[in-house]
Amino acid sequence: MQQLCIFLLCLLILHQCVAMPLSNQCVGETLCTYTLKDNYKEMPILPGDINTRSLAAWDYQDKIDLNREPQVIREARCQDSHSSERCNIALGREIIPVTLRMPVLRKNSACFPLPSYYVEFEDITVACICASARTLEEIAQG
């Protein structure tokens, strides 16, 4: 019995990914990808040119991370409110980024060379809006 315990302990030391809690790793890549696809299906699809027609226009910038799936996420970058004629600071308006917490798959480097992933949430800017600037009273109220 003692030899079995020592053997299992050695296995855990050699394969750190086996010892990780289940909440930090996926059972398999297929299950993780399926879960992400379900989540992304529920996200709204915006018209192709909404970023240029909006009062608070934005550009898209590729956010690249080779240890994440998807490796490339197109993130909105708000255009400067000073250069925007449609959302004017002088009229008491400001451009505000709209951010969503989105699930991504993160590669588990402790399990190399076996492919292993865990779900992580990242804040991604998806659009920008033009809104009335908050007053000092509103800021004080939180």
N, C-alpha and C. Protein backbone atom coordinates (compact mmCIF):
# COMPACT_ATOMS: atom_id res chain seq x y z
N MET A 1 0.83 -1.19 0.00
CA MET A 1 0.00 0.00 0.00
C MET A 1 0.88 1.26 0.00
N GLN A 2 1.94 1.24 0.81
CA GLN A 2 2.83 2.39 0.89
C GLN A 2 3.54 2.61 -0.45
N GLN A 3 3.91 1.54 -1.13
CA GLN A 3 4.56 1.67 -2.43
C GLN A 3 3.62 2.29 -3.46
N LEU A 4 2.35 1.92 -3.38
CA LEU A 4 1.35 2.49 -4.29
C LEU A 4 1.21 3.99 -4.05
N CYS A 5 1.19 4.41 -2.80
CA CYS A 5 1.10 5.83 -2.47
C CYS A 5 2.31 6.60 -2.99
N ILE A 6 3.49 6.04 -2.83
CA ILE A 6 4.71 6.69 -3.32
C ILE A 6 4.68 6.78 -4.84
N PHE A 7 4.24 5.71 -5.49
CA PHE A 7 4.14 5.71 -6.96
C PHE A 7 3.18 6.80 -7.44
N LEU A 8 2.02 6.89 -6.81
CA LEU A 8 1.03 7.91 -7.21
C LEU A 8 1.55 9.32 -6.95
N LEU A 9 2.26 9.50 -5.86
CA LEU A 9 2.84 10.81 -5.56
C LEU A 9 3.87 11.19 -6.62
N CYS A 10 4.67 10.23 -7.05
CA CYS A 10 5.65 10.49 -8.11
C CYS A 10 4.96 10.87 -9.42
N LEU A 11 3.87 10.19 -9.73
CA LEU A 11 3.11 10.53 -10.94
C LEU A 11 2.57 11.95 -10.88
N LEU A 12 2.08 12.34 -9.73
CA LEU A 12 1.55 13.70 -9.58
C LEU A 12 2.65 14.74 -9.74
N ILE A 13 3.82 14.45 -9.25
CA ILE A 13 4.94 15.39 -9.39
C ILE A 13 5.36 15.50 -10.86
N LEU A 14 5.41 14.36 -11.55
CA LEU A 14 5.83 14.36 -12.95
C LEU A 14 4.79 15.00 -13.87
N HIS A 15 3.53 14.84 -13.57
CA HIS A 15 2.45 15.40 -14.40
C HIS A 15 1.65 16.39 -13.57
N GLN A 16 2.13 17.63 -13.53
CA GLN A 16 1.47 18.66 -12.72
C GLN A 16 0.04 18.90 -13.16
N CYS A 17 -0.24 18.76 -14.45
CA CYS A 17 -1.59 19.07 -14.93
C CYS A 17 -2.63 18.11 -14.37
N VAL A 18 -2.23 16.90 -14.02
CA VAL A 18 -3.17 15.94 -13.44
C VAL A 18 -3.57 16.39 -12.04
N ALA A 19 -2.68 17.08 -11.35
CA ALA A 19 -2.93 17.48 -9.98
C ALA A 19 -3.73 18.78 -9.87
N MET A 20 -3.96 19.45 -11.00
CA MET A 20 -4.68 20.72 -10.94
C MET A 20 -6.15 20.49 -10.67
N PRO A 21 -6.81 21.43 -10.00
CA PRO A 21 -8.23 21.27 -9.75
C PRO A 21 -9.00 21.31 -11.07
N LEU A 22 -10.13 20.61 -11.12
CA LEU A 22 -10.92 20.53 -12.35
C LEU A 22 -11.42 21.88 -12.83
N SER A 23 -11.61 22.82 -11.93
CA SER A 23 -12.12 24.13 -12.34
C SER A 23 -11.13 24.87 -13.23
N ASN A 24 -9.85 24.51 -13.20
CA ASN A 24 -8.84 25.20 -13.99
C ASN A 24 -8.50 24.50 -15.30
N GLN A 25 -9.13 23.39 -15.59
CA GLN A 25 -8.80 22.73 -16.83
C GLN A 25 -10.04 22.11 -17.45
N CYS A 26 -10.00 21.93 -18.73
CA CYS A 26 -11.10 21.33 -19.46
C CYS A 26 -10.85 19.84 -19.60
N VAL A 27 -11.93 19.10 -19.71
CA VAL A 27 -11.80 17.66 -19.88
C VAL A 27 -11.17 17.34 -21.23
N GLY A 28 -11.52 18.08 -22.24
CA GLY A 28 -10.95 17.87 -23.57
C GLY A 28 -11.15 19.10 -24.41
N GLU A 29 -10.36 19.24 -25.46
CA GLU A 29 -10.43 20.42 -26.33
C GLU A 29 -11.80 20.53 -26.98
N THR A 30 -12.40 19.39 -27.36
CA THR A 30 -13.70 19.39 -28.01
C THR A 30 -14.76 19.99 -27.11
N LEU A 31 -14.77 19.59 -25.84
CA LEU A 31 -15.75 20.11 -24.89
C LEU A 31 -15.58 21.60 -24.69
N CYS A 32 -14.35 22.06 -24.57
CA CYS A 32 -14.09 23.49 -24.38
C CYS A 32 -14.54 24.29 -25.58
N THR A 33 -14.20 23.84 -26.78
CA THR A 33 -14.57 24.55 -28.00
C THR A 33 -16.08 24.61 -28.14
N TYR A 34 -16.76 23.52 -27.81
CA TYR A 34 -18.21 23.48 -27.88
C TYR A 34 -18.82 24.50 -26.93
N THR A 35 -18.30 24.58 -25.72
CA THR A 35 -18.79 25.54 -24.73
C THR A 35 -18.60 26.97 -25.21
N LEU A 36 -17.45 27.29 -25.79
CA LEU A 36 -17.21 28.64 -26.31
C LEU A 36 -18.16 28.97 -27.45
N LYS A 37 -18.37 28.02 -28.37
CA LYS A 37 -19.26 28.27 -29.50
C LYS A 37 -20.67 28.56 -29.02
N ASP A 38 -21.14 27.84 -28.00
CA ASP A 38 -22.47 28.11 -27.44
C ASP A 38 -22.55 29.52 -26.90
N ASN A 39 -21.52 29.97 -26.21
CA ASN A 39 -21.52 31.31 -25.64
C ASN A 39 -21.50 32.37 -26.72
N TYR A 40 -20.68 32.19 -27.76
CA TYR A 40 -20.58 33.19 -28.83
C TYR A 40 -21.84 33.25 -29.67
N LYS A 41 -22.61 32.15 -29.74
CA LYS A 41 -23.87 32.16 -30.51
C LYS A 41 -24.87 33.13 -29.91
N GLU A 42 -24.81 33.34 -28.61
CA GLU A 42 -25.75 34.22 -27.93
C GLU A 42 -25.39 35.70 -28.05
N MET A 43 -24.24 36.01 -28.60
CA MET A 43 -23.81 37.40 -28.71
C MET A 43 -24.50 38.05 -29.90
N PRO A 44 -24.87 39.33 -29.76
CA PRO A 44 -25.54 40.01 -30.87
C PRO A 44 -24.59 40.22 -32.05
N ILE A 45 -25.15 40.16 -33.24
CA ILE A 45 -24.37 40.41 -34.45
C ILE A 45 -24.70 41.82 -34.93
N LEU A 46 -23.68 42.66 -35.02
CA LEU A 46 -23.88 44.05 -35.43
C LEU A 46 -23.74 44.17 -36.94
N PRO A 47 -24.46 45.13 -37.55
CA PRO A 47 -24.28 45.36 -38.98
C PRO A 47 -22.81 45.70 -39.28
N GLY A 48 -22.34 45.35 -40.47
CA GLY A 48 -20.93 45.49 -40.82
C GLY A 48 -20.36 46.89 -40.71
N ASP A 49 -21.16 47.92 -40.94
CA ASP A 49 -20.63 49.29 -40.94
C ASP A 49 -21.09 50.11 -39.74
N ILE A 50 -21.60 49.47 -38.71
CA ILE A 50 -22.13 50.20 -37.54
C ILE A 50 -21.04 51.04 -36.88
N ASN A 51 -19.79 50.60 -36.94
CA ASN A 51 -18.71 51.33 -36.28
C ASN A 51 -18.44 52.68 -36.94
N THR A 52 -18.75 52.83 -38.22
CA THR A 52 -18.53 54.12 -38.88
C THR A 52 -19.79 54.99 -38.87
N ARG A 53 -20.96 54.38 -38.72
CA ARG A 53 -22.22 55.14 -38.69
C ARG A 53 -22.59 55.63 -37.29
N SER A 54 -21.95 55.08 -36.28
CA SER A 54 -22.27 55.42 -34.90
C SER A 54 -21.89 56.87 -34.58
N LEU A 55 -22.61 57.47 -33.63
CA LEU A 55 -22.23 58.81 -33.16
C LEU A 55 -20.86 58.77 -32.50
N ALA A 56 -20.53 57.64 -31.91
CA ALA A 56 -19.20 57.44 -31.30
C ALA A 56 -18.48 56.38 -32.13
N ALA A 57 -17.87 56.81 -33.20
CA ALA A 57 -17.23 55.87 -34.13
C ALA A 57 -16.04 55.18 -33.48
N TRP A 58 -15.74 53.98 -34.00
CA TRP A 58 -14.59 53.24 -33.51
C TRP A 58 -13.95 52.46 -34.66
N ASP A 59 -12.70 52.09 -34.43
CA ASP A 59 -11.95 51.23 -35.36
C ASP A 59 -11.77 49.88 -34.68
N TYR A 60 -11.41 48.89 -35.47
CA TYR A 60 -11.10 47.58 -34.91
C TYR A 60 -9.60 47.36 -34.93
N GLN A 61 -9.12 46.75 -33.86
CA GLN A 61 -7.70 46.45 -33.74
C GLN A 61 -7.57 44.98 -33.34
N ASP A 62 -6.66 44.27 -33.99
CA ASP A 62 -6.46 42.85 -33.67
C ASP A 62 -5.70 42.72 -32.35
N LYS A 63 -6.26 41.94 -31.44
CA LYS A 63 -5.63 41.63 -30.16
C LYS A 63 -5.14 40.18 -30.28
N ILE A 64 -3.82 40.00 -30.38
CA ILE A 64 -3.24 38.69 -30.66
C ILE A 64 -2.61 38.10 -29.40
N ASP A 65 -2.94 36.84 -29.12
CA ASP A 65 -2.36 36.10 -28.01
C ASP A 65 -2.23 34.64 -28.45
N LEU A 66 -1.02 34.17 -28.64
CA LEU A 66 -0.80 32.82 -29.15
C LEU A 66 -1.11 31.73 -28.13
N ASN A 67 -1.28 32.09 -26.86
CA ASN A 67 -1.61 31.12 -25.82
C ASN A 67 -3.10 31.12 -25.50
N ARG A 68 -3.90 31.67 -26.41
CA ARG A 68 -5.34 31.78 -26.20
C ARG A 68 -6.05 31.26 -27.44
N GLU A 69 -7.26 30.76 -27.25
CA GLU A 69 -8.10 30.36 -28.36
C GLU A 69 -9.42 31.10 -28.20
N PRO A 70 -9.82 31.94 -29.09
CA PRO A 70 -9.20 32.26 -30.37
C PRO A 70 -7.94 33.11 -30.18
N GLN A 71 -6.97 32.92 -31.07
CA GLN A 71 -5.70 33.63 -30.95
C GLN A 71 -5.82 35.10 -31.33
N VAL A 72 -6.76 35.41 -32.22
CA VAL A 72 -6.96 36.80 -32.66
C VAL A 72 -8.39 37.21 -32.32
N ILE A 73 -8.51 38.31 -31.56
CA ILE A 73 -9.82 38.89 -31.24
C ILE A 73 -9.81 40.32 -31.76
N ARG A 74 -10.83 40.66 -32.54
CA ARG A 74 -10.93 42.03 -33.05
C ARG A 74 -11.61 42.88 -31.97
N GLU A 75 -10.86 43.84 -31.46
CA GLU A 75 -11.35 44.67 -30.36
C GLU A 75 -11.58 46.09 -30.86
N ALA A 76 -12.68 46.69 -30.37
CA ALA A 76 -13.01 48.07 -30.75
C ALA A 76 -12.07 49.05 -30.05
N ARG A 77 -11.68 50.08 -30.78
CA ARG A 77 -10.86 51.15 -30.22
C ARG A 77 -11.58 52.46 -30.55
N CYS A 78 -12.08 53.13 -29.52
CA CYS A 78 -12.87 54.35 -29.71
C CYS A 78 -12.02 55.44 -30.36
N GLN A 79 -12.63 56.15 -31.32
CA GLN A 79 -11.95 57.29 -31.92
C GLN A 79 -11.97 58.43 -30.92
N ASP A 80 -10.98 59.27 -30.98
CA ASP A 80 -10.84 60.39 -30.05
C ASP A 80 -12.06 61.30 -30.13
N SER A 81 -12.64 61.63 -28.98
CA SER A 81 -13.84 62.46 -28.95
C SER A 81 -13.56 63.87 -29.48
N HIS A 82 -12.30 64.32 -29.44
CA HIS A 82 -11.98 65.66 -29.95
C HIS A 82 -12.09 65.70 -31.48
N SER A 83 -11.84 64.56 -32.13
CA SER A 83 -11.90 64.54 -33.59
C SER A 83 -13.28 64.15 -34.11
N SER A 84 -14.17 63.75 -33.21
CA SER A 84 -15.51 63.35 -33.62
C SER A 84 -16.45 64.54 -33.60
N GLU A 85 -17.03 64.84 -34.75
CA GLU A 85 -17.98 65.95 -34.82
C GLU A 85 -19.35 65.54 -34.30
N ARG A 86 -19.65 64.25 -34.36
CA ARG A 86 -20.99 63.78 -33.99
C ARG A 86 -21.18 63.67 -32.48
N CYS A 87 -20.12 63.36 -31.75
CA CYS A 87 -20.21 63.26 -30.29
C CYS A 87 -19.29 64.34 -29.72
N ASN A 88 -19.85 65.49 -29.44
CA ASN A 88 -19.08 66.68 -29.13
C ASN A 88 -19.00 66.93 -27.63
N ILE A 89 -17.77 67.03 -27.11
CA ILE A 89 -17.57 67.31 -25.68
C ILE A 89 -18.16 68.67 -25.31
N ALA A 90 -18.09 69.62 -26.22
CA ALA A 90 -18.62 70.97 -25.95
C ALA A 90 -20.12 70.93 -25.67
N LEU A 91 -20.81 69.92 -26.18
CA LEU A 91 -22.25 69.78 -25.94
C LEU A 91 -22.53 68.91 -24.72
N GLY A 92 -21.50 68.62 -23.94
CA GLY A 92 -21.69 67.82 -22.72
C GLY A 92 -21.81 66.33 -23.00
N ARG A 93 -21.17 65.86 -24.05
CA ARG A 93 -21.21 64.43 -24.39
C ARG A 93 -19.81 63.84 -24.30
N GLU A 94 -19.76 62.53 -24.12
CA GLU A 94 -18.47 61.84 -24.09
C GLU A 94 -18.59 60.48 -24.75
N ILE A 95 -17.47 59.99 -25.23
CA ILE A 95 -17.42 58.66 -25.84
C ILE A 95 -17.03 57.65 -24.77
N ILE A 96 -17.84 56.59 -24.67
CA ILE A 96 -17.63 55.58 -23.64
C ILE A 96 -17.48 54.21 -24.31
N PRO A 97 -16.41 53.47 -24.00
CA PRO A 97 -16.26 52.12 -24.56
C PRO A 97 -17.23 51.14 -23.90
N VAL A 98 -17.78 50.22 -24.68
CA VAL A 98 -18.66 49.17 -24.18
C VAL A 98 -17.83 47.89 -24.11
N THR A 99 -17.72 47.35 -22.91
CA THR A 99 -16.85 46.19 -22.68
C THR A 99 -17.67 45.00 -22.20
N LEU A 100 -17.35 43.82 -22.73
CA LEU A 100 -17.99 42.58 -22.31
C LEU A 100 -16.93 41.63 -21.78
N ARG A 101 -17.32 40.83 -20.77
CA ARG A 101 -16.44 39.75 -20.29
C ARG A 101 -16.75 38.53 -21.14
N MET A 102 -15.75 38.08 -21.90
CA MET A 102 -15.96 36.98 -22.82
C MET A 102 -15.08 35.79 -22.44
N PRO A 103 -15.63 34.57 -22.55
CA PRO A 103 -14.81 33.40 -22.25
C PRO A 103 -13.87 33.08 -23.40
N VAL A 104 -12.66 32.73 -23.06
CA VAL A 104 -11.66 32.27 -24.03
C VAL A 104 -11.00 31.02 -23.45
N LEU A 105 -10.34 30.28 -24.31
CA LEU A 105 -9.57 29.12 -23.85
C LEU A 105 -8.12 29.54 -23.70
N ARG A 106 -7.56 29.26 -22.55
CA ARG A 106 -6.16 29.58 -22.28
C ARG A 106 -5.37 28.27 -22.26
N LYS A 107 -4.24 28.23 -22.97
CA LYS A 107 -3.40 27.03 -22.97
C LYS A 107 -2.78 26.83 -21.60
N ASN A 108 -2.78 25.59 -21.15
CA ASN A 108 -2.20 25.24 -19.86
C ASN A 108 -0.77 24.77 -20.09
N SER A 109 0.20 25.65 -19.87
CA SER A 109 1.60 25.32 -20.16
C SER A 109 2.16 24.25 -19.23
N ALA A 110 1.54 24.03 -18.08
CA ALA A 110 2.03 23.01 -17.15
C ALA A 110 1.83 21.61 -17.70
N CYS A 111 0.98 21.45 -18.69
CA CYS A 111 0.68 20.13 -19.24
C CYS A 111 1.44 19.83 -20.52
N PHE A 112 2.40 20.67 -20.89
CA PHE A 112 3.16 20.46 -22.12
C PHE A 112 3.82 19.09 -22.08
N PRO A 113 3.84 18.29 -23.10
CA PRO A 113 3.44 18.55 -24.48
C PRO A 113 1.98 18.21 -24.78
N LEU A 114 1.22 17.75 -23.79
CA LEU A 114 -0.18 17.41 -24.03
C LEU A 114 -1.00 18.69 -24.17
N PRO A 115 -1.92 18.75 -25.16
CA PRO A 115 -2.75 19.95 -25.29
C PRO A 115 -3.79 20.00 -24.17
N SER A 116 -3.77 21.05 -23.41
CA SER A 116 -4.71 21.22 -22.32
C SER A 116 -5.10 22.68 -22.24
N TYR A 117 -6.38 22.95 -21.98
CA TYR A 117 -6.89 24.31 -21.94
C TYR A 117 -7.76 24.49 -20.70
N TYR A 118 -7.91 25.74 -20.30
CA TYR A 118 -8.88 26.07 -19.26
C TYR A 118 -9.61 27.34 -19.70
N VAL A 119 -10.81 27.52 -19.18
CA VAL A 119 -11.62 28.68 -19.55
C VAL A 119 -11.24 29.87 -18.68
N GLU A 120 -11.05 31.00 -19.34
CA GLU A 120 -10.71 32.24 -18.66
C GLU A 120 -11.58 33.34 -19.26
N PHE A 121 -11.90 34.35 -18.49
CA PHE A 121 -12.71 35.46 -19.00
C PHE A 121 -11.83 36.68 -19.22
N GLU A 122 -12.00 37.31 -20.39
CA GLU A 122 -11.25 38.52 -20.74
C GLU A 122 -12.23 39.65 -21.02
N ASP A 123 -11.85 40.86 -20.63
CA ASP A 123 -12.65 42.04 -20.95
C ASP A 123 -12.28 42.48 -22.36
N ILE A 124 -13.29 42.53 -23.24
CA ILE A 124 -13.08 42.90 -24.64
C ILE A 124 -13.99 44.09 -24.95
N THR A 125 -13.41 45.16 -25.50
CA THR A 125 -14.20 46.32 -25.93
C THR A 125 -14.84 45.96 -27.26
N VAL A 126 -16.18 46.00 -27.31
CA VAL A 126 -16.90 45.57 -28.50
C VAL A 126 -17.50 46.73 -29.29
N ALA A 127 -17.63 47.90 -28.68
CA ALA A 127 -18.23 49.05 -29.36
C ALA A 127 -17.97 50.29 -28.52
N CYS A 128 -18.44 51.43 -29.02
CA CYS A 128 -18.35 52.69 -28.29
C CYS A 128 -19.69 53.40 -28.41
N ILE A 129 -20.06 54.13 -27.36
CA ILE A 129 -21.31 54.88 -27.39
C ILE A 129 -21.04 56.34 -27.08
N CYS A 130 -21.97 57.18 -27.50
CA CYS A 130 -21.92 58.61 -27.18
C CYS A 130 -23.00 58.85 -26.13
N ALA A 131 -22.61 59.37 -24.99
CA ALA A 131 -23.56 59.57 -23.89
C ALA A 131 -23.35 60.94 -23.27
N SER A 132 -24.37 61.40 -22.58
CA SER A 132 -24.23 62.65 -21.83
C SER A 132 -23.19 62.46 -20.75
N ALA A 133 -22.34 63.45 -20.59
CA ALA A 133 -21.31 63.38 -19.55
C ALA A 133 -21.98 63.37 -18.18
N ARG A 134 -21.39 62.64 -17.25
CA ARG A 134 -21.94 62.59 -15.90
C ARG A 134 -21.63 63.89 -15.17
N THR A 135 -22.59 64.33 -14.38
CA THR A 135 -22.38 65.54 -13.58
C THR A 135 -21.61 65.16 -12.32
N LEU A 136 -21.07 66.16 -11.62
CA LEU A 136 -20.34 65.90 -10.38
C LEU A 136 -21.25 65.23 -9.36
N GLU A 137 -22.52 65.59 -9.35
CA GLU A 137 -23.48 64.99 -8.42
C GLU A 137 -23.67 63.50 -8.74
N GLU A 138 -23.77 63.15 -10.00
CA GLU A 138 -23.92 61.75 -10.39
C GLU A 138 -22.67 60.95 -10.05
N ILE A 139 -21.51 61.55 -10.24
CA ILE A 139 -20.25 60.88 -9.91
C ILE A 139 -20.16 60.62 -8.42
N ALA A 140 -20.57 61.58 -7.60
CA ALA A 140 -20.53 61.44 -6.14
C ALA A 140 -21.47 60.33 -5.67
N GLN A 141 -22.60 60.15 -6.36
CA GLN A 141 -23.56 59.12 -5.98
C GLN A 141 -23.10 57.73 -6.38
N GLY A 142 -22.13 57.66 -7.29
CA GLY A 142 -21.59 56.37 -7.71
C GLY A 142 -22.30 55.87 -8.88
